[in-house]
Amino acid sequence: MKASMLSTLAAAFTCFVHAAAGGVENDNEGTLRVCLNEAVPPYSVRHGGAGTGFDLLIAEAVAKRLGQSLAVQWFESKLDLDSSSAIEANALLSDRRCDLLAGYPLVKDGLGKPGAETGRIPGFAGSTPADRRRRVTLGTLAPTRPYHFAGLAVVLDGKAVDKPIAKLGDLGGLKLGIEGGTLADAILMNFDHGRLIPDITHVVPGRGELLPRLESGDYEATLIPVHRFDAYRIGHTDTKLRLSGYYLPIGFNMGFVGLASDAGLIDRVNAALEGMLRDGEAESLAVAAHVTYLPPRQPYVLDGFRIGDLTKFE
């Protein structure tokens, strides 16, 4: 299983932006332009003309530390077999829609020089039909340092909420609901030579039914990307579902991505992010956005993992 698959399974962790001839930086512009996906709760969401989310708060804080104002370019991304989030991000940046794209999965396959010479731009606020048809010459993507880690967590229903979960093996005997064909599914199905398989019921992914069915008592526990549960909890303030406190040591870091030709800007953003992490500001912004904060971890850019890595859990 390649690292690029993680971006897809994270279900909307993707973003984009910059690089025309000469790679001119924005040192003298006084404005930091950041591309944000308009429909990735709780990271970035656009409501009419306004926006909310953790990535937006991070972008605002970075701009402030750079002594610049923030301008957001909202875009939409449709994950399907004919699209590539890395190409779309590159196209937005290479077309100078923005200087950075926030909330980007730092995985090796999604960085560097793309295999394609050109790519189409995803729909963005203010775009025209002509924009969607034209192709943009692509640059080379370079990451900033990460500002948080996107991982998987065990979520328990109200009846099982007091059961201590310190490792995957503690799920034995619980009724498990899991979305079929996901990274979480592969982990649970392969755990300890299939020991949990008799406890697993599969749910069709993409229908948004897993957590409501867990809430209704169809299952007692699930394994899900943390941000998915955070988004559910924001929309269901009376939920009885709870995080178990156990987070799998597998996932990827999230940061900004820009063009390699803007190395100076990326260096300054790195310094700003390091200060935010050192001062605890990144975690405070996560709390304000109702996001479960997991700090970045090494390696900052995920090289990839094999199917055998999915069995290395207790």
C-alpha atoms as a PDB file:
ATOM      1  CA  MET A   1       0.000   0.000   0.000  1.00  0.00           C
ATOM      2  CA  LYS A   2       1.653   3.250  -1.110  1.00  0.00           C
ATOM      3  CA  ALA A   3       1.821   6.485   0.865  1.00  0.00           C
ATOM      4  CA  SER A   4      -0.267   8.247  -1.786  1.00  0.00           C
ATOM      5  CA  MET A   5      -3.193   6.027  -0.829  1.00  0.00           C
ATOM      6  CA  LEU A   6      -3.202   7.633   2.596  1.00  0.00           C
ATOM      7  CA  SER A   7      -4.246  10.936   1.060  1.00  0.00           C
ATOM      8  CA  THR A   8      -7.306   9.340  -0.524  1.00  0.00           C
ATOM      9  CA  LEU A   9      -8.282   7.410   2.615  1.00  0.00           C
ATOM     10  CA  ALA A  10      -8.065  10.541   4.677  1.00  0.00           C
ATOM     11  CA  ALA A  11     -11.068  11.672   2.677  1.00  0.00           C
ATOM     12  CA  ALA A  12     -10.388  15.230   1.879  1.00  0.00           C
ATOM     13  CA  PHE A  13      -7.142  16.075   3.551  1.00  0.00           C
ATOM     14  CA  THR A  14      -5.956  17.580   0.299  1.00  0.00           C
ATOM     15  CA  CYS A  15      -5.105  21.150  -0.815  1.00  0.00           C
ATOM     16  CA  PHE A  16      -3.102  23.355  -3.502  1.00  0.00           C
ATOM     17  CA  VAL A  17      -1.027  26.684  -5.390  1.00  0.00           C
ATOM     18  CA  HIS A  18       1.883  29.079  -7.356  1.00  0.00           C
ATOM     19  CA  ALA A  19       4.944  29.431  -9.879  1.00  0.00           C
ATOM     20  CA  ALA A  20       4.868  31.476 -13.014  1.00  0.00           C
ATOM     21  CA  ALA A  21       7.946  32.331 -15.008  1.00  0.00           C
ATOM     22  CA  GLY A  22      10.801  33.376 -12.761  1.00  0.00           C
ATOM     23  CA  GLY A  23       9.185  32.140  -9.534  1.00  0.00           C
ATOM     24  CA  VAL A  24       8.748  35.651  -8.083  1.00  0.00           C
ATOM     25  CA  GLU A  25       8.139  35.549  -4.312  1.00  0.00           C
ATOM     26  CA  ASN A  26       5.711  37.703  -2.374  1.00  0.00           C
ATOM     27  CA  ASP A  27       8.280  39.448  -0.126  1.00  0.00           C
ATOM     28  CA  ASN A  28       7.037  42.944  -1.020  1.00  0.00           C
ATOM     29  CA  GLU A  29       3.357  42.250  -1.479  1.00  0.00           C
ATOM     30  CA  GLY A  30       2.268  42.438   2.150  1.00  0.00           C
ATOM     31  CA  THR A  31      -0.268  39.649   1.564  1.00  0.00           C
ATOM     32  CA  LEU A  32       0.105  35.911   2.035  1.00  0.00           C
ATOM     33  CA  ARG A  33      -2.183  34.060  -0.367  1.00  0.00           C
ATOM     34  CA  VAL A  34      -3.269  30.631   0.813  1.00  0.00           C
ATOM     35  CA  CYS A  35      -5.463  28.080  -0.950  1.00  0.00           C
ATOM     36  CA  LEU A  36      -7.975  26.279   1.259  1.00  0.00           C
ATOM     37  CA  ASN A  37     -10.342  23.442   0.404  1.00  0.00           C
ATOM     38  CA  GLU A  38     -13.879  24.661   0.981  1.00  0.00           C
ATOM     39  CA  ALA A  39     -15.331  21.373   2.262  1.00  0.00           C
ATOM     40  CA  VAL A  40     -12.969  19.593   4.659  1.00  0.00           C
ATOM     41  CA  PRO A  41     -14.471  19.916   8.137  1.00  0.00           C
ATOM     42  CA  PRO A  42     -13.105  20.617  10.686  1.00  0.00           C
ATOM     43  CA  TYR A  43      -9.987  21.799   8.833  1.00  0.00           C
ATOM     44  CA  SER A  44     -11.448  24.251   6.336  1.00  0.00           C
ATOM     45  CA  VAL A  45     -15.053  24.995   5.473  1.00  0.00           C
ATOM     46  CA  ARG A  46     -16.538  27.858   3.489  1.00  0.00           C
ATOM     47  CA  HIS A  47     -19.965  29.173   4.505  1.00  0.00           C
ATOM     48  CA  GLY A  48     -21.020  31.609   1.815  1.00  0.00           C
ATOM     49  CA  GLY A  49     -18.303  34.248   1.833  1.00  0.00           C
ATOM     50  CA  ALA A  50     -16.910  33.340   5.250  1.00  0.00           C
ATOM     51  CA  GLY A  51     -14.771  30.431   6.349  1.00  0.00           C
ATOM     52  CA  THR A  52     -13.928  28.453   9.451  1.00  0.00           C
ATOM     53  CA  GLY A  53     -11.573  25.659  10.441  1.00  0.00           C
ATOM     54  CA  PHE A  54      -8.213  24.752  11.910  1.00  0.00           C
ATOM     55  CA  ASP A  55      -6.257  25.259   8.672  1.00  0.00           C
ATOM     56  CA  LEU A  56      -7.739  28.747   8.313  1.00  0.00           C
ATOM     57  CA  LEU A  57      -6.695  29.654  11.854  1.00  0.00           C
ATOM     58  CA  ILE A  58      -3.190  28.304  11.210  1.00  0.00           C
ATOM     59  CA  ALA A  59      -2.924  30.315   7.976  1.00  0.00           C
ATOM     60  CA  GLU A  60      -4.050  33.488   9.761  1.00  0.00           C
ATOM     61  CA  ALA A  61      -1.475  32.944  12.520  1.00  0.00           C
ATOM     62  CA  VAL A  62       1.342  32.298  10.034  1.00  0.00           C
ATOM     63  CA  ALA A  63       0.479  35.449   8.079  1.00  0.00           C
ATOM     64  CA  LYS A  64       0.490  37.465  11.312  1.00  0.00           C
ATOM     65  CA  ARG A  65       3.921  36.136  12.269  1.00  0.00           C
ATOM     66  CA  LEU A  66       5.184  37.082   8.797  1.00  0.00           C
ATOM     67  CA  GLY A  67       3.772  40.588   9.220  1.00  0.00           C
ATOM     68  CA  GLN A  68       1.360  40.088   6.318  1.00  0.00           C
ATOM     69  CA  SER A  69      -2.358  40.049   5.763  1.00  0.00           C
ATOM     70  CA  LEU A  70      -4.029  36.819   4.654  1.00  0.00           C
ATOM     71  CA  ALA A  71      -5.940  36.343   1.416  1.00  0.00           C
ATOM     72  CA  VAL A  72      -7.731  33.011   1.012  1.00  0.00           C
ATOM     73  CA  GLN A  73      -8.377  31.353  -2.328  1.00  0.00           C
ATOM     74  CA  TRP A  74     -11.123  28.809  -1.747  1.00  0.00           C
ATOM     75  CA  PHE A  75     -11.219  25.794  -4.037  1.00  0.00           C
ATOM     76  CA  GLU A  76     -13.143  22.579  -4.391  1.00  0.00           C
ATOM     77  CA  SER A  77     -11.679  19.144  -4.994  1.00  0.00           C
ATOM     78  CA  LYS A  78     -13.571  16.101  -6.205  1.00  0.00           C
ATOM     79  CA  LEU A  79     -11.794  12.853  -5.434  1.00  0.00           C
ATOM     80  CA  ASP A  80     -12.434  10.459  -8.284  1.00  0.00           C
ATOM     81  CA  LEU A  81     -10.511   8.146 -10.570  1.00  0.00           C
ATOM     82  CA  ASP A  82      -9.868  10.949 -13.052  1.00  0.00           C
ATOM     83  CA  SER A  83      -8.429  13.471 -10.593  1.00  0.00           C
ATOM     84  CA  SER A  84      -5.193  13.804  -8.642  1.00  0.00           C
ATOM     85  CA  SER A  85      -5.053  16.000  -5.558  1.00  0.00           C
ATOM     86  CA  ALA A  86      -1.310  16.529  -6.051  1.00  0.00           C
ATOM     87  CA  ILE A  87      -1.779  17.674  -9.662  1.00  0.00           C
ATOM     88  CA  GLU A  88      -4.667  19.961  -8.695  1.00  0.00           C
ATOM     89  CA  ALA A  89      -2.627  21.494  -5.866  1.00  0.00           C
ATOM     90  CA  ASN A  90       0.314  21.994  -8.207  1.00  0.00           C
ATOM     91  CA  ALA A  91      -1.918  23.604 -10.822  1.00  0.00           C
ATOM     92  CA  LEU A  92      -3.365  26.078  -8.321  1.00  0.00           C
ATOM     93  CA  LEU A  93       0.103  27.050  -7.144  1.00  0.00           C
ATOM     94  CA  SER A  94       1.623  27.147 -10.606  1.00  0.00           C
ATOM     95  CA  ASP A  95      -1.218  29.371 -11.827  1.00  0.00           C
ATOM     96  CA  ARG A  96      -0.481  31.786  -8.971  1.00  0.00           C
ATOM     97  CA  ARG A  97      -3.876  31.305  -7.392  1.00  0.00           C
ATOM     98  CA  CYS A  98      -1.958  31.296  -4.091  1.00  0.00           C
ATOM     99  CA  ASP A  99       1.501  31.146  -2.570  1.00  0.00           C
ATOM    100  CA  LEU A 100       0.794  28.155  -0.335  1.00  0.00           C
ATOM    101  CA  LEU A 101      -1.805  25.456  -0.028  1.00  0.00           C
ATOM    102  CA  ALA A 102      -2.783  24.472   3.529  1.00  0.00           C
ATOM    103  CA  GLY A 103      -3.759  21.104   4.962  1.00  0.00           C
ATOM    104  CA  TYR A 104      -1.573  19.117   2.576  1.00  0.00           C
ATOM    105  CA  PRO A 105      -0.592  15.503   3.420  1.00  0.00           C
ATOM    106  CA  LEU A 106       3.197  15.318   3.620  1.00  0.00           C
ATOM    107  CA  VAL A 107       3.750  12.075   1.750  1.00  0.00           C
ATOM    108  CA  LYS A 108       6.605  11.547  -0.676  1.00  0.00           C
ATOM    109  CA  ASP A 109       4.425  10.528  -3.616  1.00  0.00           C
ATOM    110  CA  GLY A 110       2.578  13.853  -3.495  1.00  0.00           C
ATOM    111  CA  LEU A 111       5.679  16.077  -3.516  1.00  0.00           C
ATOM    112  CA  GLY A 112       8.445  16.976  -5.932  1.00  0.00           C
ATOM    113  CA  LYS A 113       8.196  17.085  -9.707  1.00  0.00           C
ATOM    114  CA  PRO A 114       4.990  15.522 -11.046  1.00  0.00           C
ATOM    115  CA  GLY A 115       4.974  12.930 -13.791  1.00  0.00           C
ATOM    116  CA  ALA A 116       2.749  15.155 -15.941  1.00  0.00           C
ATOM    117  CA  GLU A 117       3.962  18.359 -17.582  1.00  0.00           C
ATOM    118  CA  THR A 118       0.606  20.116 -17.305  1.00  0.00           C
ATOM    119  CA  GLY A 119      -2.555  19.825 -15.258  1.00  0.00           C
ATOM    120  CA  ARG A 120      -6.058  21.279 -14.940  1.00  0.00           C
ATOM    121  CA  ILE A 121      -7.050  23.604 -12.133  1.00  0.00           C
ATOM    122  CA  PRO A 122      -9.851  22.482  -9.811  1.00  0.00           C
ATOM    123  CA  GLY A 123     -12.870  24.712  -9.400  1.00  0.00           C
ATOM    124  CA  PHE A 124     -12.074  27.762  -7.309  1.00  0.00           C
ATOM    125  CA  ALA A 125     -13.938  30.811  -6.061  1.00  0.00           C
ATOM    126  CA  GLY A 126     -14.156  33.230  -8.972  1.00  0.00           C
ATOM    127  CA  SER A 127     -13.268  30.666 -11.633  1.00  0.00           C
ATOM    128  CA  THR A 128     -14.875  30.620 -15.056  1.00  0.00           C
ATOM    129  CA  PRO A 129     -15.654  27.690 -17.378  1.00  0.00           C
ATOM    130  CA  ALA A 130     -12.551  28.677 -19.337  1.00  0.00           C
ATOM    131  CA  ASP A 131     -10.416  28.272 -16.217  1.00  0.00           C
ATOM    132  CA  ARG A 132     -11.601  24.698 -15.796  1.00  0.00           C
ATOM    133  CA  ARG A 133     -10.744  23.832 -19.379  1.00  0.00           C
ATOM    134  CA  ARG A 134      -7.256  25.261 -19.603  1.00  0.00           C
ATOM    135  CA  ARG A 135      -4.102  23.415 -18.608  1.00  0.00           C
ATOM    136  CA  VAL A 136      -1.269  24.878 -16.525  1.00  0.00           C
ATOM    137  CA  THR A 137       2.441  24.089 -16.777  1.00  0.00           C
ATOM    138  CA  LEU A 138       3.298  22.437 -13.479  1.00  0.00           C
ATOM    139  CA  GLY A 139       6.147  23.226 -11.112  1.00  0.00           C
ATOM    140  CA  THR A 140       7.851  21.270  -8.349  1.00  0.00           C
ATOM    141  CA  LEU A 141       6.055  20.937  -5.006  1.00  0.00           C
ATOM    142  CA  ALA A 142       7.980  21.561  -1.778  1.00  0.00           C
ATOM    143  CA  PRO A 143       6.576  21.133   1.740  1.00  0.00           C
ATOM    144  CA  THR A 144       6.857  23.288   4.811  1.00  0.00           C
ATOM    145  CA  ARG A 145       7.403  21.636   8.145  1.00  0.00           C
ATOM    146  CA  PRO A 146       4.184  20.083   9.471  1.00  0.00           C
ATOM    147  CA  TYR A 147       1.886  21.637  12.045  1.00  0.00           C
ATOM    148  CA  HIS A 148      -0.054  18.539  13.090  1.00  0.00           C
ATOM    149  CA  PHE A 149      -0.382  14.797  12.591  1.00  0.00           C
ATOM    150  CA  ALA A 150      -3.416  13.137  10.988  1.00  0.00           C
ATOM    151  CA  GLY A 151      -3.967   9.773  12.595  1.00  0.00           C
ATOM    152  CA  LEU A 152      -6.506   7.071  13.327  1.00  0.00           C
ATOM    153  CA  ALA A 153      -8.349   6.659  16.613  1.00  0.00           C
ATOM    154  CA  VAL A 154     -10.655   4.190  18.300  1.00  0.00           C
ATOM    155  CA  VAL A 155     -14.115   5.630  18.953  1.00  0.00           C
ATOM    156  CA  LEU A 156     -16.445   3.970  21.469  1.00  0.00           C
ATOM    157  CA  ASP A 157     -20.217   4.096  21.851  1.00  0.00           C
ATOM    158  CA  GLY A 158     -21.934   5.109  25.079  1.00  0.00           C
ATOM    159  CA  LYS A 159     -22.095   1.570  26.490  1.00  0.00           C
ATOM    160  CA  ALA A 160     -18.424   0.783  25.888  1.00  0.00           C
ATOM    161  CA  VAL A 161     -17.085   4.239  26.691  1.00  0.00           C
ATOM    162  CA  ASP A 162     -15.580   3.104  30.011  1.00  0.00           C
ATOM    163  CA  LYS A 163     -13.712   0.128  28.507  1.00  0.00           C
ATOM    164  CA  PRO A 164      -9.963   0.854  28.645  1.00  0.00           C
ATOM    165  CA  ILE A 165      -8.356   0.690  25.194  1.00  0.00           C
ATOM    166  CA  ALA A 166      -4.554   0.838  25.285  1.00  0.00           C
ATOM    167  CA  LYS A 167      -3.875  -1.324  22.226  1.00  0.00           C
ATOM    168  CA  LEU A 168      -5.767  -2.875  19.314  1.00  0.00           C
ATOM    169  CA  GLY A 169      -5.982  -6.200  21.103  1.00  0.00           C
ATOM    170  CA  ASP A 170      -8.276  -4.568  23.672  1.00  0.00           C
ATOM    171  CA  LEU A 171     -10.979  -4.386  20.977  1.00  0.00           C
ATOM    172  CA  GLY A 172     -11.459  -8.141  21.176  1.00  0.00           C
ATOM    173  CA  GLY A 173     -15.018  -9.070  22.089  1.00  0.00           C
ATOM    174  CA  LEU A 174     -16.521  -5.724  21.065  1.00  0.00           C
ATOM    175  CA  LYS A 175     -18.881  -5.362  18.097  1.00  0.00           C
ATOM    176  CA  LEU A 176     -16.807  -3.476  15.543  1.00  0.00           C
ATOM    177  CA  GLY A 177     -18.199  -1.418  12.678  1.00  0.00           C
ATOM    178  CA  ILE A 178     -15.749  -0.435   9.952  1.00  0.00           C
ATOM    179  CA  GLU A 179     -15.936   1.136   6.510  1.00  0.00           C
ATOM    180  CA  GLY A 180     -14.933  -1.483   3.954  1.00  0.00           C
ATOM    181  CA  GLY A 181     -11.891  -0.931   1.772  1.00  0.00           C
ATOM    182  CA  THR A 182     -10.337   1.738   3.997  1.00  0.00           C
ATOM    183  CA  LEU A 183      -6.990   1.866   5.739  1.00  0.00           C
ATOM    184  CA  ALA A 184      -8.761   1.212   9.056  1.00  0.00           C
ATOM    185  CA  ASP A 185     -10.401  -1.856   7.548  1.00  0.00           C
ATOM    186  CA  ALA A 186      -7.056  -3.234   6.359  1.00  0.00           C
ATOM    187  CA  ILE A 187      -5.527  -2.714   9.799  1.00  0.00           C
ATOM    188  CA  LEU A 188      -8.316  -4.438  11.720  1.00  0.00           C
ATOM    189  CA  MET A 189      -8.704  -7.307   9.260  1.00  0.00           C
ATOM    190  CA  ASN A 190      -4.961  -8.044   9.354  1.00  0.00           C
ATOM    191  CA  PHE A 191      -4.506  -7.635  13.080  1.00  0.00           C
ATOM    192  CA  ASP A 192      -3.051 -10.658  14.865  1.00  0.00           C
ATOM    193  CA  HIS A 193      -3.669 -13.058  11.948  1.00  0.00           C
ATOM    194  CA  GLY A 194      -7.302 -12.006  11.627  1.00  0.00           C
ATOM    195  CA  ARG A 195      -8.253 -12.381  15.295  1.00  0.00           C
ATOM    196  CA  LEU A 196     -10.779  -9.517  15.129  1.00  0.00           C
ATOM    197  CA  ILE A 197     -12.500 -10.632  11.913  1.00  0.00           C
ATOM    198  CA  PRO A 198     -15.427 -12.421  13.682  1.00  0.00           C
ATOM    199  CA  ASP A 199     -16.244  -9.144  15.493  1.00  0.00           C
ATOM    200  CA  ILE A 200     -16.229  -6.942  12.362  1.00  0.00           C
ATOM    201  CA  THR A 201     -19.241  -5.736  10.382  1.00  0.00           C
ATOM    202  CA  HIS A 202     -18.507  -3.745   7.241  1.00  0.00           C
ATOM    203  CA  VAL A 203     -20.257  -0.521   6.291  1.00  0.00           C
ATOM    204  CA  VAL A 204     -20.261   0.937   2.776  1.00  0.00           C
ATOM    205  CA  PRO A 205     -17.895   3.957   2.785  1.00  0.00           C
ATOM    206  CA  GLY A 206     -18.939   7.366   1.526  1.00  0.00           C
ATOM    207  CA  ARG A 207     -22.485   7.292   2.874  1.00  0.00           C
ATOM    208  CA  GLY A 208     -21.799   8.868   6.252  1.00  0.00           C
ATOM    209  CA  GLU A 209     -23.569   6.069   8.112  1.00  0.00           C
ATOM    210  CA  LEU A 210     -20.771   4.637  10.268  1.00  0.00           C
ATOM    211  CA  LEU A 211     -20.873   7.026  13.225  1.00  0.00           C
ATOM    212  CA  PRO A 212     -24.689   7.355  13.302  1.00  0.00           C
ATOM    213  CA  ARG A 213     -24.944   3.544  13.426  1.00  0.00           C
ATOM    214  CA  LEU A 214     -22.330   3.445  16.186  1.00  0.00           C
ATOM    215  CA  GLU A 215     -24.400   6.065  17.999  1.00  0.00           C
ATOM    216  CA  SER A 216     -27.574   3.988  17.637  1.00  0.00           C
ATOM    217  CA  GLY A 217     -25.935   0.922  19.170  1.00  0.00           C
ATOM    218  CA  ASP A 218     -25.395  -1.218  16.062  1.00  0.00           C
ATOM    219  CA  TYR A 219     -21.706  -1.363  17.013  1.00  0.00           C
ATOM    220  CA  GLU A 220     -19.647  -0.746  20.121  1.00  0.00           C
ATOM    221  CA  ALA A 221     -16.440   0.585  18.579  1.00  0.00           C
ATOM    222  CA  THR A 222     -14.834   1.695  15.348  1.00  0.00           C
ATOM    223  CA  LEU A 223     -11.473   2.814  13.982  1.00  0.00           C
ATOM    224  CA  ILE A 224     -11.642   6.075  12.043  1.00  0.00           C
ATOM    225  CA  PRO A 225      -9.514   9.105  11.056  1.00  0.00           C
ATOM    226  CA  VAL A 226      -9.522  11.507  13.992  1.00  0.00           C
ATOM    227  CA  HIS A 227     -10.729  14.471  11.938  1.00  0.00           C
ATOM    228  CA  ARG A 228     -13.801  12.514  10.852  1.00  0.00           C
ATOM    229  CA  PHE A 229     -14.863  12.079  14.460  1.00  0.00           C
ATOM    230  CA  ASP A 230     -14.083  15.716  15.247  1.00  0.00           C
ATOM    231  CA  ALA A 231     -16.337  16.833  12.390  1.00  0.00           C
ATOM    232  CA  TYR A 232     -19.126  14.524  13.589  1.00  0.00           C
ATOM    233  CA  ARG A 233     -18.804  15.796  17.149  1.00  0.00           C
ATOM    234  CA  ILE A 234     -19.062  19.429  16.006  1.00  0.00           C
ATOM    235  CA  GLY A 235     -22.329  18.633  14.239  1.00  0.00           C
ATOM    236  CA  HIS A 236     -23.680  16.433  17.044  1.00  0.00           C
ATOM    237  CA  THR A 237     -22.964  18.248  20.294  1.00  0.00           C
ATOM    238  CA  ASP A 238     -25.114  15.799  22.263  1.00  0.00           C
ATOM    239  CA  THR A 239     -23.256  12.697  21.043  1.00  0.00           C
ATOM    240  CA  LYS A 240     -22.451   9.951  23.516  1.00  0.00           C
ATOM    241  CA  LEU A 241     -19.581   8.699  21.368  1.00  0.00           C
ATOM    242  CA  ARG A 242     -16.119   9.224  22.803  1.00  0.00           C
ATOM    243  CA  LEU A 243     -12.511   8.875  21.754  1.00  0.00           C
ATOM    244  CA  SER A 244     -10.913   6.006  23.635  1.00  0.00           C
ATOM    245  CA  GLY A 245      -7.612   7.852  23.992  1.00  0.00           C
ATOM    246  CA  TYR A 246      -5.806   5.253  21.858  1.00  0.00           C
ATOM    247  CA  TYR A 247      -4.295   6.587  18.627  1.00  0.00           C
ATOM    248  CA  LEU A 248      -2.593   4.316  16.141  1.00  0.00           C
ATOM    249  CA  PRO A 249       1.061   5.110  15.381  1.00  0.00           C
ATOM    250  CA  ILE A 250       0.271   5.279  11.681  1.00  0.00           C
ATOM    251  CA  GLY A 251      -0.830   8.232   9.574  1.00  0.00           C
ATOM    252  CA  PHE A 252       0.857  11.271   8.092  1.00  0.00           C
ATOM    253  CA  ASN A 253       1.798  14.835   8.950  1.00  0.00           C
ATOM    254  CA  MET A 254      -0.089  17.814   7.549  1.00  0.00           C
ATOM    255  CA  GLY A 255       1.501  21.086   6.513  1.00  0.00           C
ATOM    256  CA  PHE A 256       1.580  23.691   3.782  1.00  0.00           C
ATOM    257  CA  VAL A 257       2.897  23.034   0.307  1.00  0.00           C
ATOM    258  CA  GLY A 258       4.337  25.565  -2.112  1.00  0.00           C
ATOM    259  CA  LEU A 259       6.597  25.675  -5.118  1.00  0.00           C
ATOM    260  CA  ALA A 260      10.274  24.822  -4.799  1.00  0.00           C
ATOM    261  CA  SER A 261      11.002  28.097  -6.606  1.00  0.00           C
ATOM    262  CA  ASP A 262       9.644  29.915  -3.531  1.00  0.00           C
ATOM    263  CA  ALA A 263      12.245  28.498  -1.165  1.00  0.00           C
ATOM    264  CA  GLY A 264      12.613  31.822   0.670  1.00  0.00           C
ATOM    265  CA  LEU A 265       8.923  31.952   1.520  1.00  0.00           C
ATOM    266  CA  ILE A 266       8.926  28.324   2.657  1.00  0.00           C
ATOM    267  CA  ASP A 267      11.894  29.034   4.947  1.00  0.00           C
ATOM    268  CA  ARG A 268      10.059  31.959   6.563  1.00  0.00           C
ATOM    269  CA  VAL A 269       6.898  29.897   6.990  1.00  0.00           C
ATOM    270  CA  ASN A 270       8.952  27.120   8.579  1.00  0.00           C
ATOM    271  CA  ALA A 271      10.321  29.599  11.111  1.00  0.00           C
ATOM    272  CA  ALA A 272       6.793  30.816  11.876  1.00  0.00           C
ATOM    273  CA  LEU A 273       5.485  27.272  12.314  1.00  0.00           C
ATOM    274  CA  GLU A 274       8.396  26.302  14.542  1.00  0.00           C
ATOM    275  CA  GLY A 275       7.558  29.266  16.766  1.00  0.00           C
ATOM    276  CA  MET A 276       3.880  28.320  16.855  1.00  0.00           C
ATOM    277  CA  LEU A 277       4.697  24.751  17.841  1.00  0.00           C
ATOM    278  CA  ARG A 278       7.248  25.839  20.433  1.00  0.00           C
ATOM    279  CA  ASP A 279       4.848  28.361  21.988  1.00  0.00           C
ATOM    280  CA  GLY A 280       1.883  25.983  21.986  1.00  0.00           C
ATOM    281  CA  GLU A 281      -0.052  28.239  19.623  1.00  0.00           C
ATOM    282  CA  ALA A 282      -0.799  25.465  17.105  1.00  0.00           C
ATOM    283  CA  GLU A 283      -2.395  23.318  19.806  1.00  0.00           C
ATOM    284  CA  SER A 284      -4.377  26.290  21.151  1.00  0.00           C
ATOM    285  CA  LEU A 285      -5.751  26.975  17.673  1.00  0.00           C
ATOM    286  CA  ALA A 286      -6.755  23.307  17.364  1.00  0.00           C
ATOM    287  CA  VAL A 287      -8.699  23.588  20.617  1.00  0.00           C
ATOM    288  CA  ALA A 288     -10.429  26.734  19.324  1.00  0.00           C
ATOM    289  CA  ALA A 289     -11.404  24.840  16.148  1.00  0.00           C
ATOM    290  CA  HIS A 290     -12.634  21.801  18.158  1.00  0.00           C
ATOM    291  CA  VAL A 291      -9.904  19.649  16.630  1.00  0.00           C
ATOM    292  CA  THR A 292      -8.177  16.830  18.504  1.00  0.00           C
ATOM    293  CA  TYR A 293      -4.557  17.904  18.305  1.00  0.00           C
ATOM    294  CA  LEU A 294      -1.813  15.372  17.592  1.00  0.00           C
ATOM    295  CA  PRO A 295       1.652  16.965  17.293  1.00  0.00           C
ATOM    296  CA  PRO A 296       3.821  16.309  14.219  1.00  0.00           C
ATOM    297  CA  ARG A 297       6.106  13.315  14.388  1.00  0.00           C
ATOM    298  CA  GLN A 298       9.190  12.095  12.578  1.00  0.00           C
ATOM    299  CA  PRO A 299       9.698  11.456   9.762  1.00  0.00           C
ATOM    300  CA  TYR A 300       8.089  14.735   8.709  1.00  0.00           C
ATOM    301  CA  VAL A 301       7.550  13.428   5.163  1.00  0.00           C
ATOM    302  CA  LEU A 302       6.200   9.884   4.987  1.00  0.00           C
ATOM    303  CA  ASP A 303       8.130   7.738   2.547  1.00  0.00           C
ATOM    304  CA  GLY A 304       5.522   4.988   2.458  1.00  0.00           C
ATOM    305  CA  PHE A 305       4.703   1.668   4.036  1.00  0.00           C
ATOM    306  CA  ARG A 306       3.923  -1.871   2.987  1.00  0.00           C
ATOM    307  CA  ILE A 307       0.999  -4.093   3.813  1.00  0.00           C
ATOM    308  CA  GLY A 308       3.204  -5.818   6.406  1.00  0.00           C
ATOM    309  CA  ASP A 309       3.333  -2.566   8.394  1.00  0.00           C
ATOM    310  CA  LEU A 310      -0.412  -2.897   9.015  1.00  0.00           C
ATOM    311  CA  THR A 311       0.145  -5.962  11.175  1.00  0.00           C
ATOM    312  CA  LYS A 312       2.700  -4.435  13.548  1.00  0.00           C
ATOM    313  CA  PHE A 313       0.279  -3.510  16.314  1.00  0.00           C
ATOM    314  CA  GLU A 314      -0.317  -5.078  19.711  1.00  0.00           C
END
